[in-house]
Amino acid sequence: MNELIAIHPYKAGGMWVFDDPAVGLRQEPFVSGADVIIDRLVQGIPDAESGFTLVFSAQPFPGFQAEFEWLREEFSGNWYYCPALKMEGWLCPALLKYFDAAPKKIYAQFRPKASKGRT
């Protein structure tokens, strides 16, 4: 598995969703607080609703902006807490398409989506 994972969330039908054909996901939604956390962390990204890049890992990496601590499992998903925001959000079982087990911590970077022709 990759150490750094990148997805490209966007808004559809008023919800934050993402597609990842490599793992069989299409318009997978963020719900139960994860959506509100995204709202907060993309405030400085122009036109984030049209798409932004979310890089995440179970290990810290240069440029990470948010740390999420595992709290508990519920409904086959996992609750995480962001101390910097004092908020928690639930990540659905799709998390396990990226990790063998729910990591104790997740580190994330929220940035503008690259322009076409750039990576």
N, C-alpha and C. Protein backbone atom coordinates (compact mmCIF):
# COMPACT_ATOMS: atom_id res chain seq x y z
N MET A 1 0.83 -1.18 0.00
CA MET A 1 0.00 0.00 0.00
C MET A 1 0.88 1.25 0.00
N ASN A 2 0.37 2.31 -0.58
CA ASN A 2 1.09 3.57 -0.59
C ASN A 2 1.15 4.17 0.80
N GLU A 3 2.24 4.85 1.09
CA GLU A 3 2.35 5.58 2.36
C GLU A 3 1.53 6.85 2.31
N LEU A 4 1.55 7.56 1.15
CA LEU A 4 0.75 8.76 0.94
C LEU A 4 -0.35 8.44 -0.05
N ILE A 5 -1.55 8.83 0.28
CA ILE A 5 -2.71 8.58 -0.57
C ILE A 5 -3.31 9.92 -0.93
N ALA A 6 -3.71 10.08 -2.18
CA ALA A 6 -4.34 11.33 -2.62
C ALA A 6 -5.70 11.02 -3.22
N ILE A 7 -6.70 11.77 -2.78
CA ILE A 7 -8.03 11.71 -3.38
C ILE A 7 -8.42 13.14 -3.71
N HIS A 8 -9.50 13.29 -4.48
CA HIS A 8 -9.90 14.62 -4.95
C HIS A 8 -11.39 14.86 -4.67
N PRO A 9 -11.71 15.19 -3.42
CA PRO A 9 -13.11 15.46 -3.07
C PRO A 9 -13.67 16.69 -3.80
N TYR A 10 -14.99 16.69 -3.95
CA TYR A 10 -15.73 17.78 -4.57
C TYR A 10 -17.15 17.73 -4.03
N LYS A 11 -17.91 18.77 -4.27
CA LYS A 11 -19.31 18.80 -3.82
C LYS A 11 -20.23 18.32 -4.93
N ALA A 12 -21.15 17.44 -4.58
CA ALA A 12 -22.18 16.96 -5.49
C ALA A 12 -23.46 16.82 -4.67
N GLY A 13 -24.52 17.43 -5.14
CA GLY A 13 -25.78 17.36 -4.40
C GLY A 13 -25.67 17.94 -3.00
N GLY A 14 -24.78 18.92 -2.83
CA GLY A 14 -24.61 19.55 -1.52
C GLY A 14 -23.76 18.76 -0.54
N MET A 15 -23.16 17.66 -0.99
CA MET A 15 -22.34 16.82 -0.11
C MET A 15 -20.92 16.73 -0.63
N TRP A 16 -19.96 16.61 0.29
CA TRP A 16 -18.59 16.32 -0.10
C TRP A 16 -18.51 14.84 -0.47
N VAL A 17 -18.01 14.56 -1.67
CA VAL A 17 -17.86 13.19 -2.16
C VAL A 17 -16.52 13.07 -2.88
N PHE A 18 -16.13 11.82 -3.17
CA PHE A 18 -14.94 11.61 -4.00
C PHE A 18 -15.09 10.33 -4.80
N ASP A 19 -14.35 10.28 -5.88
CA ASP A 19 -14.31 9.10 -6.75
C ASP A 19 -12.91 8.51 -6.67
N ASP A 20 -12.81 7.21 -6.65
CA ASP A 20 -11.52 6.53 -6.76
C ASP A 20 -11.73 5.21 -7.47
N PRO A 21 -11.70 5.24 -8.81
CA PRO A 21 -11.92 4.02 -9.58
C PRO A 21 -10.94 2.90 -9.23
N ALA A 22 -9.75 3.24 -8.76
CA ALA A 22 -8.75 2.23 -8.43
C ALA A 22 -9.22 1.30 -7.30
N VAL A 23 -10.11 1.80 -6.44
CA VAL A 23 -10.63 0.97 -5.34
C VAL A 23 -12.15 0.79 -5.44
N GLY A 24 -12.73 1.16 -6.57
CA GLY A 24 -14.15 0.92 -6.81
C GLY A 24 -15.11 1.89 -6.14
N LEU A 25 -14.69 3.11 -5.91
CA LEU A 25 -15.57 4.09 -5.26
C LEU A 25 -16.01 5.17 -6.25
N ARG A 26 -17.29 5.51 -6.18
CA ARG A 26 -17.84 6.59 -7.00
C ARG A 26 -18.79 7.41 -6.15
N GLN A 27 -18.54 8.70 -6.08
CA GLN A 27 -19.30 9.64 -5.26
C GLN A 27 -19.50 9.10 -3.83
N GLU A 28 -18.41 8.65 -3.25
CA GLU A 28 -18.42 8.19 -1.86
C GLU A 28 -18.53 9.42 -0.96
N PRO A 29 -19.57 9.51 -0.14
CA PRO A 29 -19.77 10.74 0.64
C PRO A 29 -19.01 10.77 1.97
N PHE A 30 -18.70 11.97 2.39
CA PHE A 30 -18.21 12.23 3.74
C PHE A 30 -19.43 12.70 4.54
N VAL A 31 -19.69 12.08 5.67
CA VAL A 31 -20.87 12.39 6.49
C VAL A 31 -20.48 12.44 7.97
N SER A 32 -21.46 12.71 8.80
CA SER A 32 -21.35 12.62 10.26
C SER A 32 -20.14 13.36 10.83
N GLY A 33 -20.03 14.63 10.48
CA GLY A 33 -18.97 15.46 11.03
C GLY A 33 -17.75 15.57 10.14
N ALA A 34 -17.43 14.53 9.37
CA ALA A 34 -16.28 14.60 8.46
C ALA A 34 -16.51 15.70 7.43
N ASP A 35 -17.77 15.86 7.01
CA ASP A 35 -18.12 16.90 6.04
C ASP A 35 -17.90 18.30 6.62
N VAL A 36 -18.22 18.49 7.88
CA VAL A 36 -18.05 19.79 8.53
C VAL A 36 -16.57 20.09 8.74
N ILE A 37 -15.80 19.07 9.06
CA ILE A 37 -14.35 19.24 9.18
C ILE A 37 -13.76 19.69 7.84
N ILE A 38 -14.20 19.06 6.75
CA ILE A 38 -13.72 19.47 5.42
C ILE A 38 -14.09 20.93 5.16
N ASP A 39 -15.33 21.30 5.47
CA ASP A 39 -15.74 22.70 5.28
C ASP A 39 -14.74 23.65 5.95
N ARG A 40 -14.33 23.33 7.16
CA ARG A 40 -13.40 24.19 7.90
C ARG A 40 -12.02 24.21 7.27
N LEU A 41 -11.53 23.06 6.86
CA LEU A 41 -10.15 22.96 6.40
C LEU A 41 -9.92 23.41 4.95
N VAL A 42 -10.99 23.60 4.20
CA VAL A 42 -10.83 24.08 2.82
C VAL A 42 -11.21 25.55 2.67
N GLN A 43 -11.45 26.24 3.77
CA GLN A 43 -11.89 27.64 3.70
C GLN A 43 -10.95 28.51 2.87
N GLY A 44 -9.66 28.24 2.90
CA GLY A 44 -8.72 29.07 2.16
C GLY A 44 -8.43 28.58 0.74
N ILE A 45 -9.11 27.54 0.30
CA ILE A 45 -8.87 26.99 -1.03
C ILE A 45 -9.92 27.55 -1.99
N PRO A 46 -9.47 28.32 -2.99
CA PRO A 46 -10.43 28.88 -3.95
C PRO A 46 -11.19 27.78 -4.69
N ASP A 47 -12.50 27.93 -4.79
CA ASP A 47 -13.37 27.02 -5.54
C ASP A 47 -13.21 25.55 -5.11
N ALA A 48 -13.00 25.33 -3.82
CA ALA A 48 -12.81 23.97 -3.30
C ALA A 48 -13.99 23.07 -3.64
N GLU A 49 -15.18 23.63 -3.72
CA GLU A 49 -16.36 22.81 -4.01
C GLU A 49 -16.28 22.14 -5.37
N SER A 50 -15.50 22.71 -6.29
CA SER A 50 -15.31 22.09 -7.61
C SER A 50 -14.24 21.02 -7.57
N GLY A 51 -13.53 20.92 -6.46
CA GLY A 51 -12.52 19.89 -6.29
C GLY A 51 -11.26 20.43 -5.65
N PHE A 52 -10.70 19.64 -4.76
CA PHE A 52 -9.42 19.95 -4.13
C PHE A 52 -8.70 18.62 -3.93
N THR A 53 -7.43 18.69 -3.56
CA THR A 53 -6.66 17.48 -3.32
C THR A 53 -6.51 17.26 -1.83
N LEU A 54 -6.80 16.06 -1.40
CA LEU A 54 -6.62 15.65 -0.01
C LEU A 54 -5.58 14.54 0.01
N VAL A 55 -4.43 14.85 0.61
CA VAL A 55 -3.36 13.86 0.76
C VAL A 55 -3.40 13.40 2.21
N PHE A 56 -3.36 12.08 2.42
CA PHE A 56 -3.41 11.58 3.79
C PHE A 56 -2.53 10.35 3.96
N SER A 57 -2.18 10.09 5.23
CA SER A 57 -1.29 8.99 5.57
C SER A 57 -1.46 8.64 7.04
N ALA A 58 -1.06 7.43 7.39
CA ALA A 58 -1.04 7.03 8.79
C ALA A 58 0.24 7.51 9.47
N GLN A 59 1.16 8.10 8.71
CA GLN A 59 2.42 8.62 9.23
C GLN A 59 2.49 10.11 8.95
N PRO A 60 3.12 10.89 9.84
CA PRO A 60 3.30 12.31 9.55
C PRO A 60 4.16 12.48 8.29
N PHE A 61 3.92 13.55 7.55
CA PHE A 61 4.69 13.84 6.35
C PHE A 61 4.85 15.35 6.23
N PRO A 62 5.89 15.81 5.51
CA PRO A 62 6.11 17.25 5.37
C PRO A 62 4.88 17.94 4.77
N GLY A 63 4.44 18.98 5.42
CA GLY A 63 3.31 19.76 4.91
C GLY A 63 1.94 19.32 5.41
N PHE A 64 1.87 18.28 6.25
CA PHE A 64 0.53 17.91 6.74
C PHE A 64 -0.02 19.07 7.55
N GLN A 65 -1.35 19.25 7.49
CA GLN A 65 -1.99 20.39 8.14
C GLN A 65 -2.91 19.99 9.29
N ALA A 66 -3.33 18.74 9.29
CA ALA A 66 -4.28 18.30 10.32
C ALA A 66 -3.94 16.89 10.77
N GLU A 67 -4.14 16.66 12.05
CA GLU A 67 -3.92 15.34 12.64
C GLU A 67 -5.25 14.87 13.22
N PHE A 68 -5.57 13.62 12.97
CA PHE A 68 -6.82 13.04 13.45
C PHE A 68 -6.50 11.82 14.29
N GLU A 69 -7.07 11.76 15.48
CA GLU A 69 -6.82 10.67 16.42
C GLU A 69 -8.03 9.72 16.44
N TRP A 70 -7.75 8.43 16.35
CA TRP A 70 -8.81 7.42 16.38
C TRP A 70 -9.48 7.45 17.75
N LEU A 71 -10.83 7.42 17.74
CA LEU A 71 -11.59 7.40 18.99
C LEU A 71 -12.25 6.05 19.24
N ARG A 72 -13.01 5.59 18.24
CA ARG A 72 -13.79 4.36 18.45
C ARG A 72 -14.36 3.89 17.12
N GLU A 73 -14.78 2.64 17.10
CA GLU A 73 -15.46 2.08 15.95
C GLU A 73 -16.97 2.18 16.18
N GLU A 74 -17.71 2.42 15.10
CA GLU A 74 -19.17 2.42 15.19
C GLU A 74 -19.74 2.20 13.80
N PHE A 75 -20.72 1.33 13.68
CA PHE A 75 -21.39 1.03 12.41
C PHE A 75 -20.39 0.68 11.31
N SER A 76 -19.42 -0.14 11.62
CA SER A 76 -18.38 -0.60 10.68
C SER A 76 -17.45 0.53 10.21
N GLY A 77 -17.63 1.72 10.72
CA GLY A 77 -16.75 2.85 10.42
C GLY A 77 -15.99 3.25 11.67
N ASN A 78 -15.29 4.36 11.59
CA ASN A 78 -14.44 4.79 12.70
C ASN A 78 -14.56 6.29 12.92
N TRP A 79 -14.62 6.67 14.20
CA TRP A 79 -14.65 8.07 14.60
C TRP A 79 -13.24 8.56 14.85
N TYR A 80 -12.94 9.76 14.35
CA TYR A 80 -11.65 10.40 14.54
C TYR A 80 -11.86 11.80 15.11
N TYR A 81 -10.90 12.24 15.92
CA TYR A 81 -10.95 13.55 16.55
C TYR A 81 -9.80 14.40 16.05
N CYS A 82 -10.10 15.65 15.71
CA CYS A 82 -9.09 16.61 15.29
C CYS A 82 -8.87 17.60 16.44
N PRO A 83 -7.78 17.46 17.20
CA PRO A 83 -7.56 18.34 18.35
C PRO A 83 -7.50 19.82 17.97
N ALA A 84 -6.91 20.14 16.83
CA ALA A 84 -6.77 21.56 16.44
C ALA A 84 -8.12 22.22 16.23
N LEU A 85 -9.10 21.46 15.75
CA LEU A 85 -10.43 22.00 15.51
C LEU A 85 -11.40 21.69 16.65
N LYS A 86 -11.00 20.78 17.52
CA LYS A 86 -11.88 20.29 18.59
C LYS A 86 -13.17 19.74 18.00
N MET A 87 -13.01 18.94 16.94
CA MET A 87 -14.16 18.36 16.24
C MET A 87 -13.89 16.89 15.97
N GLU A 88 -14.96 16.11 15.89
CA GLU A 88 -14.81 14.73 15.50
C GLU A 88 -15.69 14.42 14.30
N GLY A 89 -15.26 13.43 13.53
CA GLY A 89 -16.00 13.01 12.34
C GLY A 89 -15.86 11.52 12.13
N TRP A 90 -16.84 10.96 11.47
CA TRP A 90 -16.90 9.52 11.23
C TRP A 90 -16.43 9.22 9.81
N LEU A 91 -15.56 8.24 9.68
CA LEU A 91 -15.11 7.78 8.37
C LEU A 91 -15.69 6.39 8.14
N CYS A 92 -16.36 6.24 7.02
CA CYS A 92 -17.08 5.01 6.70
C CYS A 92 -16.11 3.86 6.40
N PRO A 93 -16.63 2.65 6.22
CA PRO A 93 -15.77 1.49 5.96
C PRO A 93 -14.90 1.62 4.70
N ALA A 94 -15.15 2.59 3.85
CA ALA A 94 -14.28 2.81 2.68
C ALA A 94 -12.85 3.11 3.12
N LEU A 95 -12.66 3.56 4.35
CA LEU A 95 -11.32 3.80 4.89
C LEU A 95 -10.45 2.56 4.74
N LEU A 96 -11.08 1.38 4.86
CA LEU A 96 -10.33 0.13 4.81
C LEU A 96 -9.94 -0.27 3.39
N LYS A 97 -10.32 0.53 2.41
CA LYS A 97 -9.82 0.33 1.05
C LYS A 97 -8.40 0.90 0.94
N TYR A 98 -8.01 1.72 1.92
CA TYR A 98 -6.71 2.37 1.92
C TYR A 98 -5.78 1.87 3.01
N PHE A 99 -6.34 1.28 4.07
CA PHE A 99 -5.55 0.77 5.19
C PHE A 99 -6.05 -0.62 5.55
N ASP A 100 -5.14 -1.48 6.02
CA ASP A 100 -5.53 -2.83 6.44
C ASP A 100 -6.43 -2.79 7.67
N ALA A 101 -6.20 -1.81 8.52
CA ALA A 101 -7.00 -1.59 9.72
C ALA A 101 -7.05 -0.08 9.95
N ALA A 102 -8.04 0.36 10.69
CA ALA A 102 -8.16 1.80 10.98
C ALA A 102 -6.91 2.27 11.72
N PRO A 103 -6.18 3.23 11.15
CA PRO A 103 -4.96 3.71 11.82
C PRO A 103 -5.30 4.48 13.10
N LYS A 104 -4.37 4.46 14.05
CA LYS A 104 -4.56 5.19 15.30
C LYS A 104 -4.52 6.70 15.06
N LYS A 105 -3.78 7.13 14.04
CA LYS A 105 -3.74 8.54 13.66
C LYS A 105 -3.75 8.64 12.14
N ILE A 106 -4.36 9.72 11.66
CA ILE A 106 -4.33 10.04 10.24
C ILE A 106 -3.84 11.48 10.12
N TYR A 107 -2.89 11.70 9.23
CA TYR A 107 -2.35 13.02 8.96
C TYR A 107 -2.82 13.44 7.58
N ALA A 108 -3.22 14.69 7.44
CA ALA A 108 -3.83 15.12 6.18
C ALA A 108 -3.36 16.50 5.76
N GLN A 109 -3.36 16.68 4.45
CA GLN A 109 -3.06 17.97 3.83
C GLN A 109 -4.19 18.28 2.85
N PHE A 110 -4.71 19.49 2.92
CA PHE A 110 -5.79 19.96 2.06
C PHE A 110 -5.20 21.04 1.16
N ARG A 111 -5.23 20.84 -0.15
CA ARG A 111 -4.62 21.82 -1.05
C ARG A 111 -5.40 21.94 -2.34
N PRO A 112 -5.19 23.03 -3.08
CA PRO A 112 -5.90 23.18 -4.35
C PRO A 112 -5.55 22.03 -5.29
N LYS A 113 -6.52 21.66 -6.09
CA LYS A 113 -6.29 20.63 -7.10
C LYS A 113 -5.33 21.19 -8.14
N ALA A 114 -4.40 20.37 -8.59
CA ALA A 114 -3.41 20.82 -9.58
C ALA A 114 -4.11 21.20 -10.88
N SER A 115 -3.57 22.20 -11.56
CA SER A 115 -4.09 22.59 -12.87
C SER A 115 -3.78 21.50 -13.88
N LYS A 116 -4.57 21.41 -14.91
CA LYS A 116 -4.30 20.43 -15.96
C LYS A 116 -2.93 20.71 -16.54
N GLY A 117 -2.19 19.61 -16.77
CA GLY A 117 -0.86 19.74 -17.32
C GLY A 117 0.20 19.87 -16.24
N ARG A 118 -0.25 19.97 -14.95
CA ARG A 118 0.69 20.03 -13.82
C ARG A 118 0.33 18.96 -12.84
N THR A 119 1.28 18.50 -12.09
CA THR A 119 1.01 17.50 -11.05
C THR A 119 1.17 18.06 -9.67
